[in-house]
Amino acid sequence: MNIGQLLSANYTVNQAVQQLDYAAFARNETAVRAREECRQVTTAGAANSPCADVIAVAATVLRTNLQGVRGLSGDAEAIEPLVRSTAWTVLPNGGSCTVHGTLVQSPTAPMICAEMTPVMTGIVGWGEFRPRIIAADVLDLGL
């Protein structure tokens, strides 16, 4: 990553972080909140969903995190289509999603899950593979 890419990535992270209302987090009243549960909503299809705000912030952070991933086929050009096709599950009141066949549950804390299939280049620079990446995290109400 050159200095221009580093500065651009840092600026994007700052933009994503600045969208969060930390005072609202301290009061447990987040400014970015889903009105209701959404399951398997892609970034591209989230605009009219009740989880649009949450997915927009998550997609911005994902875009930033993917910029430094080695082996991602297509480099910068591949990031936007990958982010747009990422499927999100947003559970504002807790719930469950499946990660690698294992049920992940959050009884009451908000949770977000994401699923994507990037095209990667092999370690020696040839051959493509498509790993299925699934992640889940509970959002801390104490922030």
C-alpha atoms as a PDB file:
ATOM      1  CA  MET A   1       0.000   0.000   0.000  1.00  0.00           C
ATOM      2  CA  ASN A   2       1.505   3.351  -0.984  1.00  0.00           C
ATOM      3  CA  ILE A   3       1.111   6.603   0.965  1.00  0.00           C
ATOM      4  CA  GLY A   4      -1.760   7.790  -1.242  1.00  0.00           C
ATOM      5  CA  GLN A   5      -3.693   4.571  -0.638  1.00  0.00           C
ATOM      6  CA  LEU A   6      -2.945   4.767   3.079  1.00  0.00           C
ATOM      7  CA  LEU A   7      -4.186   8.356   3.321  1.00  0.00           C
ATOM      8  CA  SER A   8      -7.278   7.494   1.272  1.00  0.00           C
ATOM      9  CA  ALA A   9      -8.028   4.467   3.474  1.00  0.00           C
ATOM     10  CA  ASN A  10      -7.534   6.567   6.618  1.00  0.00           C
ATOM     11  CA  TYR A  11      -9.883   9.247   5.252  1.00  0.00           C
ATOM     12  CA  THR A  12     -12.533   6.603   4.478  1.00  0.00           C
ATOM     13  CA  VAL A  13     -12.247   5.121   7.977  1.00  0.00           C
ATOM     14  CA  ASN A  14     -12.612   8.615   9.439  1.00  0.00           C
ATOM     15  CA  GLN A  15     -15.714   9.201   7.310  1.00  0.00           C
ATOM     16  CA  ALA A  16     -17.258   5.933   8.528  1.00  0.00           C
ATOM     17  CA  VAL A  17     -16.406   6.647  12.160  1.00  0.00           C
ATOM     18  CA  GLN A  18     -17.704  10.214  11.967  1.00  0.00           C
ATOM     19  CA  GLN A  19     -21.130   8.891  10.964  1.00  0.00           C
ATOM     20  CA  LEU A  20     -21.558   7.435  14.443  1.00  0.00           C
ATOM     21  CA  ASP A  21     -23.100   9.520  17.218  1.00  0.00           C
ATOM     22  CA  TYR A  22     -20.964   8.549  20.215  1.00  0.00           C
ATOM     23  CA  ALA A  23     -23.030  10.559  22.706  1.00  0.00           C
ATOM     24  CA  ALA A  24     -26.064   8.541  21.602  1.00  0.00           C
ATOM     25  CA  PHE A  25     -24.038   5.353  22.091  1.00  0.00           C
ATOM     26  CA  ALA A  26     -23.242   6.477  25.640  1.00  0.00           C
ATOM     27  CA  ARG A  27     -26.979   6.880  26.297  1.00  0.00           C
ATOM     28  CA  ASN A  28     -27.710   3.544  24.566  1.00  0.00           C
ATOM     29  CA  GLU A  29     -29.586   5.482  21.893  1.00  0.00           C
ATOM     30  CA  THR A  30     -27.542   4.889  18.762  1.00  0.00           C
ATOM     31  CA  ALA A  31     -28.003   7.269  15.862  1.00  0.00           C
ATOM     32  CA  VAL A  32     -27.554   4.357  13.465  1.00  0.00           C
ATOM     33  CA  ARG A  33     -30.365   1.992  14.357  1.00  0.00           C
ATOM     34  CA  ALA A  34     -32.447  -0.547  12.480  1.00  0.00           C
ATOM     35  CA  ARG A  35     -36.201  -0.191  12.849  1.00  0.00           C
ATOM     36  CA  GLU A  36     -36.725  -3.934  12.482  1.00  0.00           C
ATOM     37  CA  GLU A  37     -34.923  -7.174  11.671  1.00  0.00           C
ATOM     38  CA  CYS A  38     -33.468  -7.706   8.189  1.00  0.00           C
ATOM     39  CA  ARG A  39     -32.158 -11.045   6.896  1.00  0.00           C
ATOM     40  CA  GLN A  40     -29.888 -11.582   3.898  1.00  0.00           C
ATOM     41  CA  VAL A  41     -30.236  -8.018   2.565  1.00  0.00           C
ATOM     42  CA  THR A  42     -27.472  -7.108   0.130  1.00  0.00           C
ATOM     43  CA  THR A  43     -25.744  -3.756   0.310  1.00  0.00           C
ATOM     44  CA  ALA A  44     -27.108  -2.979  -3.168  1.00  0.00           C
ATOM     45  CA  GLY A  45     -30.670  -3.806  -2.099  1.00  0.00           C
ATOM     46  CA  ALA A  46     -30.604  -2.112   1.295  1.00  0.00           C
ATOM     47  CA  ALA A  47     -31.730   1.384   0.270  1.00  0.00           C
ATOM     48  CA  ASN A  48     -35.414   0.844   1.049  1.00  0.00           C
ATOM     49  CA  SER A  49     -34.953  -1.641   3.877  1.00  0.00           C
ATOM     50  CA  PRO A  50     -35.523  -0.792   7.551  1.00  0.00           C
ATOM     51  CA  CYS A  51     -31.799  -1.562   8.088  1.00  0.00           C
ATOM     52  CA  ALA A  52     -30.494   0.868   5.458  1.00  0.00           C
ATOM     53  CA  ASP A  53     -28.575   3.094   7.912  1.00  0.00           C
ATOM     54  CA  VAL A  54     -26.881   0.192   9.699  1.00  0.00           C
ATOM     55  CA  ILE A  55     -25.929  -1.522   6.435  1.00  0.00           C
ATOM     56  CA  ALA A  56     -24.592   1.736   4.958  1.00  0.00           C
ATOM     57  CA  VAL A  57     -22.170   2.214   7.865  1.00  0.00           C
ATOM     58  CA  ALA A  58     -21.197  -1.482   7.883  1.00  0.00           C
ATOM     59  CA  ALA A  59     -20.582  -1.395   4.114  1.00  0.00           C
ATOM     60  CA  THR A  60     -18.369   1.701   4.461  1.00  0.00           C
ATOM     61  CA  VAL A  61     -16.249  -0.023   7.087  1.00  0.00           C
ATOM     62  CA  LEU A  62     -16.124  -3.220   4.969  1.00  0.00           C
ATOM     63  CA  ARG A  63     -15.019  -1.216   1.899  1.00  0.00           C
ATOM     64  CA  THR A  64     -12.184   0.281   3.946  1.00  0.00           C
ATOM     65  CA  ASN A  65     -11.114  -3.055   5.418  1.00  0.00           C
ATOM     66  CA  LEU A  66     -11.021  -4.743   1.997  1.00  0.00           C
ATOM     67  CA  GLN A  67      -8.615  -2.152   0.555  1.00  0.00           C
ATOM     68  CA  GLY A  68      -5.574  -3.808   2.113  1.00  0.00           C
ATOM     69  CA  VAL A  69      -6.526  -7.452   1.510  1.00  0.00           C
ATOM     70  CA  ARG A  70      -3.811  -9.268  -0.441  1.00  0.00           C
ATOM     71  CA  GLY A  71      -4.971 -11.775  -3.017  1.00  0.00           C
ATOM     72  CA  LEU A  72      -8.301 -10.121  -3.765  1.00  0.00           C
ATOM     73  CA  SER A  73      -8.703 -10.573  -7.530  1.00  0.00           C
ATOM     74  CA  GLY A  74      -9.111  -7.309  -9.382  1.00  0.00           C
ATOM     75  CA  ASP A  75      -7.718  -5.263  -6.497  1.00  0.00           C
ATOM     76  CA  ALA A  76      -9.528  -1.914  -6.135  1.00  0.00           C
ATOM     77  CA  GLU A  77     -11.959  -2.634  -8.983  1.00  0.00           C
ATOM     78  CA  ALA A  78     -13.184  -5.787  -7.235  1.00  0.00           C
ATOM     79  CA  ILE A  79     -14.051  -4.110  -3.944  1.00  0.00           C
ATOM     80  CA  GLU A  80     -17.235  -2.263  -4.911  1.00  0.00           C
ATOM     81  CA  PRO A  81     -19.022  -5.231  -6.562  1.00  0.00           C
ATOM     82  CA  LEU A  82     -18.039  -7.407  -3.584  1.00  0.00           C
ATOM     83  CA  VAL A  83     -19.384  -4.881  -1.062  1.00  0.00           C
ATOM     84  CA  ARG A  84     -22.600  -4.419  -3.078  1.00  0.00           C
ATOM     85  CA  SER A  85     -23.211  -8.194  -3.157  1.00  0.00           C
ATOM     86  CA  THR A  86     -22.467  -8.766   0.551  1.00  0.00           C
ATOM     87  CA  ALA A  87     -25.556 -10.129   2.328  1.00  0.00           C
ATOM     88  CA  TRP A  88     -26.269  -8.652   5.765  1.00  0.00           C
ATOM     89  CA  THR A  89     -28.468  -9.883   8.585  1.00  0.00           C
ATOM     90  CA  VAL A  90     -29.270  -7.166  11.124  1.00  0.00           C
ATOM     91  CA  LEU A  91     -30.900  -8.220  14.386  1.00  0.00           C
ATOM     92  CA  PRO A  92     -31.631  -5.072  16.451  1.00  0.00           C
ATOM     93  CA  ASN A  93     -33.181  -7.058  19.314  1.00  0.00           C
ATOM     94  CA  GLY A  94     -30.855 -10.042  19.235  1.00  0.00           C
ATOM     95  CA  GLY A  95     -31.575 -13.349  17.594  1.00  0.00           C
ATOM     96  CA  SER A  96     -29.460 -15.828  15.693  1.00  0.00           C
ATOM     97  CA  CYS A  97     -27.659 -16.432  12.436  1.00  0.00           C
ATOM     98  CA  THR A  98     -25.655 -19.392  11.183  1.00  0.00           C
ATOM     99  CA  VAL A  99     -21.867 -19.119  10.821  1.00  0.00           C
ATOM    100  CA  HIS A 100     -20.125 -22.094   9.172  1.00  0.00           C
ATOM    101  CA  GLY A 101     -22.999 -24.364  10.197  1.00  0.00           C
ATOM    102  CA  THR A 102     -22.866 -23.176  13.805  1.00  0.00           C
ATOM    103  CA  LEU A 103     -25.783 -21.240  15.226  1.00  0.00           C
ATOM    104  CA  VAL A 104     -24.642 -17.927  16.753  1.00  0.00           C
ATOM    105  CA  GLN A 105     -27.165 -16.511  19.202  1.00  0.00           C
ATOM    106  CA  SER A 106     -27.557 -13.190  20.915  1.00  0.00           C
ATOM    107  CA  PRO A 107     -30.585 -13.294  23.215  1.00  0.00           C
ATOM    108  CA  THR A 108     -31.024  -9.526  23.674  1.00  0.00           C
ATOM    109  CA  ALA A 109     -28.000  -7.613  22.335  1.00  0.00           C
ATOM    110  CA  PRO A 110     -28.131  -6.262  18.775  1.00  0.00           C
ATOM    111  CA  MET A 111     -26.193  -8.423  16.315  1.00  0.00           C
ATOM    112  CA  ILE A 112     -25.016  -8.089  12.717  1.00  0.00           C
ATOM    113  CA  CYS A 113     -23.939 -10.913  10.414  1.00  0.00           C
ATOM    114  CA  ALA A 114     -22.372 -10.647   6.958  1.00  0.00           C
ATOM    115  CA  GLU A 115     -21.769 -13.148   4.178  1.00  0.00           C
ATOM    116  CA  MET A 116     -19.653 -12.732   1.037  1.00  0.00           C
ATOM    117  CA  THR A 117     -17.832 -14.777  -1.587  1.00  0.00           C
ATOM    118  CA  PRO A 118     -14.790 -12.877  -2.901  1.00  0.00           C
ATOM    119  CA  VAL A 119     -12.699 -14.015  -5.853  1.00  0.00           C
ATOM    120  CA  MET A 120      -9.163 -14.534  -4.559  1.00  0.00           C
ATOM    121  CA  THR A 121      -5.868 -15.272  -6.324  1.00  0.00           C
ATOM    122  CA  GLY A 122      -3.729 -18.143  -5.058  1.00  0.00           C
ATOM    123  CA  ILE A 123      -0.657 -17.489  -2.922  1.00  0.00           C
ATOM    124  CA  VAL A 124       1.752 -18.010  -5.842  1.00  0.00           C
ATOM    125  CA  GLY A 125      -0.215 -15.600  -8.026  1.00  0.00           C
ATOM    126  CA  TRP A 126      -2.170 -17.996 -10.200  1.00  0.00           C
ATOM    127  CA  GLY A 127      -5.436 -19.789  -9.887  1.00  0.00           C
ATOM    128  CA  GLU A 128      -8.625 -18.373  -8.454  1.00  0.00           C
ATOM    129  CA  PHE A 129     -10.701 -19.582  -5.558  1.00  0.00           C
ATOM    130  CA  ARG A 130     -13.929 -18.321  -3.997  1.00  0.00           C
ATOM    131  CA  PRO A 131     -14.005 -18.734  -0.224  1.00  0.00           C
ATOM    132  CA  ARG A 132     -17.329 -18.185   1.491  1.00  0.00           C
ATOM    133  CA  ILE A 133     -16.720 -15.722   4.320  1.00  0.00           C
ATOM    134  CA  ILE A 134     -19.315 -15.402   7.075  1.00  0.00           C
ATOM    135  CA  ALA A 135     -18.896 -13.181  10.122  1.00  0.00           C
ATOM    136  CA  ALA A 136     -21.102 -12.293  13.075  1.00  0.00           C
ATOM    137  CA  ASP A 137     -20.669  -9.835  15.908  1.00  0.00           C
ATOM    138  CA  VAL A 138     -22.736  -8.640  18.830  1.00  0.00           C
ATOM    139  CA  LEU A 139     -22.969  -4.877  19.130  1.00  0.00           C
ATOM    140  CA  ASP A 140     -22.056  -3.657  22.593  1.00  0.00           C
ATOM    141  CA  LEU A 141     -24.861  -1.648  24.187  1.00  0.00           C
ATOM    142  CA  GLY A 142     -22.399  -0.264  26.721  1.00  0.00           C
ATOM    143  CA  LEU A 143     -20.541   1.917  24.225  1.00  0.00           C
END
